[in-house]
Amino acid sequence: MNELSKKAWLKLGVLAVVMGLLLFLGAGTVQYWQAWVYLAIFFGFSIFTTGYLIKKDPGLLERRLRGGPTAEKQKTQKIIMLLAVIGFAALLVVPALDARFQWSNVPTSLVILGDAFTLLGFYITFLVYKENSFAASTIQVSSDQKVISTGLYAIVRHPMYAGGLIYLLGMPLALGSYWAFPVFIALLPVLIWRLLNEEQFLAKNLPGYTEYCKKVGCRLIPKVF
């Protein structure tokens, strides 16, 4: 196992511990079946994707591992990513507290729907990885980077954010909490701020991106935005 693989699996393992602690300590019990199902989906797909990238696109995996507020070069993006991390943590903690205090009574059918949204969001992200080897976690432009306009990029300019939007939308239901929806709504401006700032950066630094934006008019949702 090379250093990149070790780093990837270690980071995934740390994330599993942190997410598990937030969910089960917040809930005050491990008898929180919605969380177990959600974590199985999250890390099942994450393990599959990590294994795929190790074999097929280690360069993309390396770019994906350099993420988070401290990895960003622009001050604006550091702030955006810090807010995103806080928001994601809140999307775990609020449902956990909801489970502890029984604020919501989400039927199993809606939990399953939330899990389906989670899977769909992950699948869209995986398709983006297959299509775009430059889909880094930070906003940057590599010397050999080119504009991608095929696959999902022919439909919306930011398919990864579209997948993330679907994934985040599914989290409250998947974790059995109506009270987590306000957190999701609060995250929407952060997501939009991120993609608008990214577009400004790419328009200045990636040749052909402005022309691509004229060709593909929608950023996130086809025929809507």
Protein backbone atom coordinates (compact mmCIF):
# COMPACT_ATOMS: atom_id res chain seq x y z
CA MET A 1 0.00 0.00 0.00
CA ASN A 2 1.50 3.32 -1.09
CA GLU A 3 1.46 6.56 0.89
CA LEU A 4 -1.51 7.99 -1.00
CA SER A 5 -3.62 4.92 -0.24
CA LYS A 6 -2.63 5.00 3.43
CA LYS A 7 -3.51 8.68 3.67
CA ALA A 8 -6.87 8.14 1.97
CA TRP A 9 -7.92 5.22 4.17
CA LEU A 10 -6.67 6.95 7.33
CA LYS A 11 -8.64 10.10 6.51
CA LEU A 12 -11.75 8.03 5.84
CA GLY A 13 -11.28 6.18 9.12
CA VAL A 14 -10.92 9.43 11.08
CA LEU A 15 -14.05 10.80 9.40
CA ALA A 16 -15.97 7.67 10.38
CA VAL A 17 -14.96 8.08 14.02
CA VAL A 18 -15.84 11.78 14.09
CA MET A 19 -19.21 11.31 12.42
CA GLY A 20 -20.02 8.34 14.65
CA LEU A 21 -19.20 10.33 17.77
CA LEU A 22 -21.31 13.30 16.68
CA LEU A 23 -24.29 11.08 15.94
CA PHE A 24 -24.23 8.64 18.83
CA LEU A 25 -22.99 10.97 21.56
CA GLY A 26 -25.58 13.50 20.45
CA ALA A 27 -28.30 10.86 20.51
CA GLY A 28 -27.06 9.52 23.86
CA THR A 29 -27.35 5.96 22.57
CA VAL A 30 -26.14 3.61 19.86
CA GLN A 31 -29.73 2.44 19.39
CA TYR A 32 -30.26 4.94 16.61
CA TRP A 33 -31.00 2.79 13.59
CA GLN A 34 -31.39 5.68 11.16
CA ALA A 35 -27.81 6.74 11.91
CA TRP A 36 -26.48 3.21 11.39
CA VAL A 37 -28.17 2.94 8.00
CA TYR A 38 -26.97 6.40 6.99
CA LEU A 39 -23.38 5.64 8.02
CA ALA A 40 -23.49 2.32 6.15
CA ILE A 41 -24.55 4.14 2.97
CA PHE A 42 -22.09 7.00 3.47
CA PHE A 43 -19.04 4.88 4.13
CA GLY A 44 -20.05 2.02 1.85
CA PHE A 45 -20.09 4.42 -1.09
CA SER A 46 -17.01 6.27 0.21
CA ILE A 47 -15.02 3.02 0.41
CA PHE A 48 -16.12 2.08 -3.11
CA THR A 49 -15.21 5.52 -4.49
CA THR A 50 -11.85 5.61 -2.70
CA GLY A 51 -10.96 2.17 -4.04
CA TYR A 52 -11.96 3.23 -7.53
CA LEU A 53 -9.84 6.39 -7.44
CA ILE A 54 -6.82 4.56 -6.03
CA LYS A 55 -6.89 2.27 -9.08
CA LYS A 56 -8.22 4.54 -11.81
CA ASP A 57 -7.34 8.15 -10.92
CA PRO A 58 -4.85 8.59 -8.06
CA GLY A 59 -4.20 12.16 -9.20
CA LEU A 60 -7.82 13.09 -8.57
CA LEU A 61 -7.75 11.29 -5.23
CA GLU A 62 -4.72 13.33 -4.20
CA ARG A 63 -6.52 16.54 -5.20
CA ARG A 64 -9.64 15.47 -3.28
CA LEU A 65 -7.62 14.79 -0.12
CA ARG A 66 -6.39 18.38 -0.04
CA GLY A 67 -9.61 19.91 1.22
CA GLY A 68 -11.07 21.98 4.02
CA PRO A 69 -10.75 25.63 5.13
CA THR A 70 -6.99 25.52 5.64
CA ALA A 71 -6.35 24.13 2.14
CA GLU A 72 -8.04 27.03 0.36
CA LYS A 73 -5.80 29.85 -0.90
CA GLN A 74 -8.40 32.63 -1.01
CA LYS A 75 -9.67 34.19 2.21
CA THR A 76 -13.25 34.13 0.92
CA GLN A 77 -13.07 30.41 0.25
CA LYS A 78 -11.54 29.76 3.66
CA ILE A 79 -14.61 31.42 5.22
CA ILE A 80 -17.00 29.55 2.92
CA MET A 81 -15.46 26.18 3.69
CA LEU A 82 -15.42 26.88 7.42
CA LEU A 83 -19.15 27.63 7.27
CA ALA A 84 -19.68 24.46 5.19
CA VAL A 85 -17.87 22.30 7.76
CA ILE A 86 -19.89 23.83 10.61
CA GLY A 87 -23.09 23.33 8.64
CA PHE A 88 -22.33 19.69 7.87
CA ALA A 89 -21.55 19.03 11.53
CA ALA A 90 -24.85 20.67 12.46
CA LEU A 91 -26.65 18.37 10.02
CA LEU A 92 -25.36 15.50 12.14
CA VAL A 93 -25.74 17.00 15.61
CA VAL A 94 -29.28 18.37 15.22
CA PRO A 95 -30.78 15.02 14.10
CA ALA A 96 -28.86 13.29 16.89
CA LEU A 97 -30.35 15.64 19.48
CA ASP A 98 -33.72 15.17 17.78
CA ALA A 99 -33.38 11.42 18.29
CA ARG A 100 -32.43 11.94 21.94
CA PHE A 101 -35.35 14.22 22.78
CA GLN A 102 -37.85 12.76 20.30
CA TRP A 103 -38.75 16.06 18.65
CA SER A 104 -39.67 14.44 15.33
CA ASN A 105 -41.60 11.36 14.32
CA VAL A 106 -40.39 10.69 10.79
CA PRO A 107 -42.00 7.57 9.27
CA THR A 108 -39.77 4.82 7.95
CA SER A 109 -40.90 5.49 4.39
CA LEU A 110 -39.50 9.04 4.54
CA VAL A 111 -36.26 7.80 6.14
CA ILE A 112 -35.87 5.43 3.19
CA LEU A 113 -36.56 8.35 0.84
CA GLY A 114 -33.80 10.31 2.56
CA ASP A 115 -31.44 7.36 2.15
CA ALA A 116 -32.35 7.22 -1.54
CA PHE A 117 -31.48 10.92 -1.92
CA THR A 118 -28.19 10.24 -0.15
CA LEU A 119 -27.37 7.44 -2.58
CA LEU A 120 -28.38 9.54 -5.58
CA GLY A 121 -26.19 12.43 -4.42
CA PHE A 122 -23.23 10.10 -4.01
CA TYR A 123 -23.84 8.52 -7.42
CA ILE A 124 -23.91 11.91 -9.15
CA THR A 125 -20.65 12.83 -7.42
CA PHE A 126 -19.10 9.56 -8.60
CA LEU A 127 -20.14 10.32 -12.19
CA VAL A 128 -18.44 13.70 -11.85
CA TYR A 129 -15.24 12.00 -10.69
CA LYS A 130 -15.32 9.75 -13.76
CA GLU A 131 -15.88 12.70 -16.09
CA ASN A 132 -13.59 15.31 -14.56
CA SER A 133 -10.15 14.38 -13.25
CA PHE A 134 -9.63 17.99 -12.15
CA ALA A 135 -12.53 18.02 -9.64
CA ALA A 136 -10.38 19.07 -6.70
CA SER A 137 -11.66 19.83 -3.19
CA THR A 138 -10.13 23.29 -3.39
CA ILE A 139 -10.66 25.99 -6.01
CA GLN A 140 -7.62 25.83 -8.26
CA VAL A 141 -6.54 25.51 -11.89
CA SER A 142 -3.82 23.07 -12.91
CA SER A 143 -1.41 23.84 -15.74
CA ASP A 144 -2.88 21.07 -17.92
CA GLN A 145 -6.52 21.61 -16.90
CA LYS A 146 -9.18 22.00 -19.56
CA VAL A 147 -12.88 22.82 -19.56
CA ILE A 148 -15.10 19.75 -19.22
CA SER A 149 -18.35 20.06 -21.15
CA THR A 150 -19.42 16.41 -21.51
CA GLY A 151 -21.57 14.13 -19.38
CA LEU A 152 -23.36 15.94 -16.58
CA TYR A 153 -21.35 19.07 -17.39
CA ALA A 154 -23.44 19.39 -20.55
CA ILE A 155 -26.54 19.78 -18.36
CA VAL A 156 -25.36 22.04 -15.50
CA ARG A 157 -22.10 23.84 -14.86
CA HIS A 158 -21.66 22.45 -11.34
CA PRO A 159 -22.89 18.84 -11.27
CA MET A 160 -20.86 18.04 -8.17
CA TYR A 161 -22.64 20.77 -6.23
CA ALA A 162 -25.93 19.47 -7.65
CA GLY A 163 -25.09 16.04 -6.26
CA GLY A 164 -24.11 17.61 -2.95
CA LEU A 165 -27.39 19.51 -2.85
CA ILE A 166 -29.37 16.29 -3.31
CA TYR A 167 -27.23 14.53 -0.72
CA LEU A 168 -27.67 17.31 1.85
CA LEU A 169 -31.40 17.44 1.18
CA GLY A 170 -31.64 13.76 2.03
CA MET A 171 -29.73 13.99 5.32
CA PRO A 172 -32.52 15.29 7.59
CA LEU A 173 -34.96 12.58 6.51
CA ALA A 174 -32.29 9.86 6.43
CA LEU A 175 -31.42 10.70 10.04
CA GLY A 176 -35.08 10.96 11.06
CA SER A 177 -35.28 14.68 11.77
CA TYR A 178 -37.58 17.43 10.52
CA TRP A 179 -35.69 19.93 12.70
CA ALA A 180 -32.55 19.53 10.58
CA PHE A 181 -34.23 21.12 7.57
CA PRO A 182 -33.58 24.68 8.81
CA VAL A 183 -29.87 23.76 8.91
CA PHE A 184 -30.12 22.55 5.31
CA ILE A 185 -31.81 25.81 4.28
CA ALA A 186 -29.09 27.81 6.07
CA LEU A 187 -26.45 25.89 4.08
CA LEU A 188 -27.95 26.79 0.70
CA PRO A 189 -26.52 30.35 0.59
CA VAL A 190 -23.10 28.92 1.48
CA LEU A 191 -23.31 26.45 -1.41
CA ILE A 192 -24.38 29.17 -3.85
CA TRP A 193 -21.69 31.55 -2.56
CA ARG A 194 -19.11 28.84 -3.13
CA LEU A 195 -20.09 28.10 -6.72
CA LEU A 196 -20.45 31.78 -7.69
CA ASN A 197 -17.00 32.53 -6.29
CA GLU A 198 -15.61 29.49 -8.10
CA GLU A 199 -17.11 30.68 -11.38
CA GLN A 200 -15.43 34.06 -11.01
CA PHE A 201 -12.10 32.35 -10.39
CA LEU A 202 -12.44 29.95 -13.33
CA ALA A 203 -13.56 32.71 -15.70
CA LYS A 204 -10.30 34.57 -14.94
CA ASN A 205 -7.94 31.60 -14.86
CA LEU A 206 -9.29 28.75 -17.04
CA PRO A 207 -9.22 29.39 -20.82
CA GLY A 208 -12.54 28.62 -22.48
CA TYR A 209 -14.61 28.70 -19.30
CA THR A 210 -16.48 31.90 -20.20
CA GLU A 211 -17.51 30.37 -23.54
CA TYR A 212 -18.62 27.22 -21.72
CA CYS A 213 -20.82 29.31 -19.40
CA LYS A 214 -22.53 30.82 -22.43
CA LYS A 215 -23.17 27.34 -23.81
CA VAL A 216 -24.46 25.79 -20.55
CA GLY A 217 -26.70 28.39 -18.94
CA CYS A 218 -27.75 26.62 -15.74
CA ARG A 219 -25.41 26.36 -12.80
CA LEU A 220 -27.08 23.90 -10.46
CA ILE A 221 -30.64 22.92 -11.42
CA PRO A 222 -31.62 22.43 -15.09
CA LYS A 223 -33.92 25.19 -16.37
CA VAL A 224 -34.11 26.75 -12.89
CA PHE A 225 -30.72 28.07 -11.79
